[in-house]
Amino acid sequence: MRPAWIALAVWIFCIVGYVGIHLYIGRRQFYRTNAAGVEEFESYGRAVASQLFEALLRLLTLVFLLGGLIAMFLVISAPRHYW
């Protein structure tokens, strides 16, 4: 298998992962808000745990974004005979 195809697969995986996690975080925040737009939690512990979990997911999306950019650069800079 050629390195350009591997980089293309990694790029697609990173983009799908980034979009999926981003939508998941937004959906969780949307369903926690009340009619006034204020986030509501059942308890303080759940609020802290939820925010910590979402912060870790945001870090993972950053890793996906950087990995996707590196893979995109490798795909673009691949010589034509690899395809």
N, C-alpha and C. Protein backbone atom coordinates (compact mmCIF):
# COMPACT_ATOMS: atom_id res chain seq x y z
N MET A 1 0.85 -1.18 0.00
CA MET A 1 0.00 0.00 0.00
C MET A 1 0.89 1.24 0.00
N ARG A 2 0.50 2.21 -0.74
CA ARG A 2 1.28 3.43 -0.88
C ARG A 2 1.09 4.37 0.30
N PRO A 3 2.12 5.13 0.67
CA PRO A 3 2.00 6.07 1.80
C PRO A 3 0.95 7.16 1.57
N ALA A 4 0.75 7.55 0.33
CA ALA A 4 -0.24 8.60 0.06
C ALA A 4 -1.65 8.10 0.38
N TRP A 5 -1.94 6.86 0.11
CA TRP A 5 -3.27 6.31 0.42
C TRP A 5 -3.47 6.20 1.93
N ILE A 6 -2.41 5.85 2.65
CA ILE A 6 -2.50 5.77 4.11
C ILE A 6 -2.76 7.16 4.68
N ALA A 7 -2.06 8.16 4.17
CA ALA A 7 -2.27 9.53 4.64
C ALA A 7 -3.68 10.00 4.32
N LEU A 8 -4.20 9.61 3.18
CA LEU A 8 -5.58 9.98 2.82
C LEU A 8 -6.58 9.33 3.78
N ALA A 9 -6.35 8.06 4.13
CA ALA A 9 -7.24 7.38 5.07
C ALA A 9 -7.16 8.02 6.45
N VAL A 10 -5.97 8.40 6.89
CA VAL A 10 -5.81 9.07 8.18
C VAL A 10 -6.50 10.42 8.16
N TRP A 11 -6.39 11.14 7.05
CA TRP A 11 -7.04 12.45 6.93
C TRP A 11 -8.55 12.31 7.04
N ILE A 12 -9.12 11.33 6.35
CA ILE A 12 -10.57 11.12 6.40
C ILE A 12 -11.00 10.73 7.81
N PHE A 13 -10.24 9.83 8.46
CA PHE A 13 -10.55 9.42 9.83
C PHE A 13 -10.50 10.61 10.78
N CYS A 14 -9.50 11.45 10.64
CA CYS A 14 -9.36 12.61 11.54
C CYS A 14 -10.50 13.61 11.33
N ILE A 15 -10.88 13.86 10.10
CA ILE A 15 -11.95 14.81 9.83
C ILE A 15 -13.29 14.27 10.35
N VAL A 16 -13.56 12.98 10.12
CA VAL A 16 -14.81 12.39 10.61
C VAL A 16 -14.82 12.40 12.15
N GLY A 17 -13.70 12.07 12.77
CA GLY A 17 -13.62 12.10 14.23
C GLY A 17 -13.81 13.49 14.79
N TYR A 18 -13.19 14.48 14.16
CA TYR A 18 -13.32 15.87 14.61
C TYR A 18 -14.78 16.33 14.53
N VAL A 19 -15.40 16.10 13.40
CA VAL A 19 -16.79 16.55 13.22
C VAL A 19 -17.73 15.79 14.16
N GLY A 20 -17.52 14.49 14.30
CA GLY A 20 -18.37 13.69 15.17
C GLY A 20 -18.30 14.12 16.62
N ILE A 21 -17.10 14.33 17.13
CA ILE A 21 -16.95 14.75 18.52
C ILE A 21 -17.49 16.17 18.71
N HIS A 22 -17.25 17.04 17.76
CA HIS A 22 -17.74 18.41 17.85
C HIS A 22 -19.27 18.44 17.91
N LEU A 23 -19.91 17.63 17.08
CA LEU A 23 -21.37 17.56 17.10
C LEU A 23 -21.88 16.93 18.39
N TYR A 24 -21.17 15.93 18.91
CA TYR A 24 -21.57 15.28 20.15
C TYR A 24 -21.53 16.26 21.32
N ILE A 25 -20.48 17.06 21.40
CA ILE A 25 -20.37 18.05 22.48
C ILE A 25 -21.49 19.08 22.36
N GLY A 26 -21.73 19.56 21.16
CA GLY A 26 -22.80 20.54 20.95
C GLY A 26 -24.17 19.99 21.30
N ARG A 27 -24.41 18.72 20.97
CA ARG A 27 -25.69 18.10 21.29
C ARG A 27 -25.87 17.98 22.80
N ARG A 28 -24.82 17.59 23.50
CA ARG A 28 -24.90 17.48 24.96
C ARG A 28 -25.20 18.84 25.58
N GLN A 29 -24.55 19.89 25.10
CA GLN A 29 -24.79 21.22 25.65
C GLN A 29 -26.19 21.71 25.31
N PHE A 30 -26.67 21.39 24.13
CA PHE A 30 -28.00 21.83 23.73
C PHE A 30 -29.08 21.22 24.63
N TYR A 31 -28.95 19.93 24.92
CA TYR A 31 -29.97 19.26 25.72
C TYR A 31 -29.86 19.57 27.21
N ARG A 32 -28.79 20.24 27.64
CA ARG A 32 -28.67 20.65 29.04
C ARG A 32 -29.24 22.03 29.29
N THR A 33 -29.57 22.78 28.27
CA THR A 33 -30.03 24.15 28.46
C THR A 33 -31.54 24.20 28.66
N ASN A 34 -31.96 25.18 29.44
CA ASN A 34 -33.40 25.36 29.66
C ASN A 34 -33.92 26.41 28.68
N ALA A 35 -35.13 26.89 28.88
CA ALA A 35 -35.76 27.84 27.96
C ALA A 35 -35.03 29.18 27.94
N ALA A 36 -34.37 29.53 29.04
CA ALA A 36 -33.64 30.79 29.11
C ALA A 36 -32.22 30.68 28.55
N GLY A 37 -31.82 29.48 28.16
CA GLY A 37 -30.49 29.28 27.61
C GLY A 37 -29.42 29.03 28.67
N VAL A 38 -29.83 28.72 29.89
CA VAL A 38 -28.90 28.46 30.97
C VAL A 38 -28.71 26.96 31.11
N GLU A 39 -27.45 26.52 31.23
CA GLU A 39 -27.19 25.09 31.41
C GLU A 39 -27.59 24.66 32.81
N GLU A 40 -28.28 23.53 32.89
CA GLU A 40 -28.71 22.99 34.17
C GLU A 40 -28.09 21.62 34.38
N PHE A 41 -27.63 21.37 35.60
CA PHE A 41 -27.06 20.08 35.96
C PHE A 41 -27.82 19.54 37.17
N GLU A 42 -27.78 18.23 37.34
CA GLU A 42 -28.47 17.61 38.47
C GLU A 42 -27.76 17.88 39.79
N SER A 43 -26.43 17.96 39.73
CA SER A 43 -25.66 18.22 40.95
C SER A 43 -24.34 18.88 40.57
N TYR A 44 -23.65 19.35 41.59
CA TYR A 44 -22.35 19.99 41.36
C TYR A 44 -21.35 18.98 40.81
N GLY A 45 -21.38 17.76 41.33
CA GLY A 45 -20.46 16.72 40.87
C GLY A 45 -20.66 16.39 39.41
N ARG A 46 -21.92 16.32 38.99
CA ARG A 46 -22.19 16.05 37.58
C ARG A 46 -21.75 17.21 36.69
N ALA A 47 -21.86 18.43 37.20
CA ALA A 47 -21.43 19.59 36.42
C ALA A 47 -19.92 19.56 36.22
N VAL A 48 -19.19 19.27 37.28
CA VAL A 48 -17.72 19.22 37.17
C VAL A 48 -17.30 18.07 36.28
N ALA A 49 -17.91 16.89 36.47
CA ALA A 49 -17.55 15.73 35.65
C ALA A 49 -17.87 15.97 34.18
N SER A 50 -19.01 16.56 33.91
CA SER A 50 -19.40 16.82 32.54
C SER A 50 -18.46 17.82 31.87
N GLN A 51 -18.11 18.86 32.57
CA GLN A 51 -17.21 19.86 31.99
C GLN A 51 -15.80 19.30 31.80
N LEU A 52 -15.35 18.44 32.72
CA LEU A 52 -14.04 17.81 32.58
C LEU A 52 -14.04 16.85 31.39
N PHE A 53 -15.10 16.07 31.25
CA PHE A 53 -15.23 15.14 30.13
C PHE A 53 -15.24 15.89 28.80
N GLU A 54 -15.97 16.99 28.73
CA GLU A 54 -16.03 17.75 27.49
C GLU A 54 -14.71 18.46 27.20
N ALA A 55 -13.98 18.85 28.23
CA ALA A 55 -12.66 19.45 28.01
C ALA A 55 -11.70 18.42 27.42
N LEU A 56 -11.77 17.19 27.91
CA LEU A 56 -10.92 16.12 27.35
C LEU A 56 -11.31 15.82 25.91
N LEU A 57 -12.60 15.85 25.62
CA LEU A 57 -13.04 15.64 24.24
C LEU A 57 -12.57 16.78 23.34
N ARG A 58 -12.56 18.00 23.86
CA ARG A 58 -12.06 19.14 23.06
C ARG A 58 -10.58 18.99 22.77
N LEU A 59 -9.81 18.46 23.74
CA LEU A 59 -8.40 18.20 23.49
C LEU A 59 -8.23 17.12 22.41
N LEU A 60 -9.10 16.12 22.45
CA LEU A 60 -9.05 15.07 21.43
C LEU A 60 -9.39 15.64 20.05
N THR A 61 -10.34 16.58 19.98
CA THR A 61 -10.64 17.19 18.69
C THR A 61 -9.46 18.01 18.19
N LEU A 62 -8.71 18.62 19.11
CA LEU A 62 -7.51 19.35 18.70
C LEU A 62 -6.48 18.39 18.10
N VAL A 63 -6.33 17.22 18.72
CA VAL A 63 -5.41 16.21 18.18
C VAL A 63 -5.88 15.76 16.80
N PHE A 64 -7.19 15.54 16.65
CA PHE A 64 -7.72 15.16 15.34
C PHE A 64 -7.50 16.26 14.31
N LEU A 65 -7.68 17.50 14.71
CA LEU A 65 -7.49 18.61 13.78
C LEU A 65 -6.03 18.70 13.32
N LEU A 66 -5.11 18.61 14.27
CA LEU A 66 -3.68 18.67 13.91
C LEU A 66 -3.27 17.46 13.07
N GLY A 67 -3.76 16.28 13.45
CA GLY A 67 -3.46 15.08 12.66
C GLY A 67 -4.03 15.18 11.26
N GLY A 68 -5.21 15.73 11.14
CA GLY A 68 -5.82 15.91 9.83
C GLY A 68 -5.05 16.90 8.96
N LEU A 69 -4.56 17.97 9.58
CA LEU A 69 -3.78 18.94 8.82
C LEU A 69 -2.46 18.35 8.35
N ILE A 70 -1.80 17.58 9.20
CA ILE A 70 -0.54 16.94 8.81
C ILE A 70 -0.79 15.92 7.70
N ALA A 71 -1.84 15.12 7.85
CA ALA A 71 -2.16 14.14 6.82
C ALA A 71 -2.54 14.82 5.50
N MET A 72 -3.27 15.93 5.57
CA MET A 72 -3.63 16.66 4.36
C MET A 72 -2.37 17.19 3.67
N PHE A 73 -1.42 17.69 4.45
CA PHE A 73 -0.16 18.16 3.87
C PHE A 73 0.58 17.01 3.19
N LEU A 74 0.58 15.82 3.80
CA LEU A 74 1.24 14.67 3.20
C LEU A 74 0.54 14.22 1.92
N VAL A 75 -0.78 14.29 1.90
CA VAL A 75 -1.52 13.92 0.70
C VAL A 75 -1.24 14.90 -0.43
N ILE A 76 -1.23 16.17 -0.11
CA ILE A 76 -1.01 17.19 -1.15
C ILE A 76 0.42 17.12 -1.68
N SER A 77 1.38 16.86 -0.81
CA SER A 77 2.77 16.88 -1.24
C SER A 77 3.25 15.54 -1.79
N ALA A 78 2.38 14.53 -1.88
CA ALA A 78 2.76 13.23 -2.41
C ALA A 78 3.04 13.34 -3.91
N PRO A 79 4.11 12.71 -4.36
CA PRO A 79 4.39 12.73 -5.80
C PRO A 79 3.27 12.05 -6.60
N ARG A 80 3.18 12.43 -7.84
CA ARG A 80 2.07 11.95 -8.66
C ARG A 80 2.14 10.43 -8.90
N HIS A 81 3.32 9.85 -8.92
CA HIS A 81 3.42 8.41 -9.21
C HIS A 81 2.94 7.54 -8.05
N TYR A 82 2.71 8.10 -6.88
CA TYR A 82 2.15 7.32 -5.77
C TYR A 82 0.67 7.02 -5.98
N TRP A 83 -0.01 7.80 -6.77
CA TRP A 83 -1.43 7.61 -6.99
C TRP A 83 -1.61 6.63 -8.11
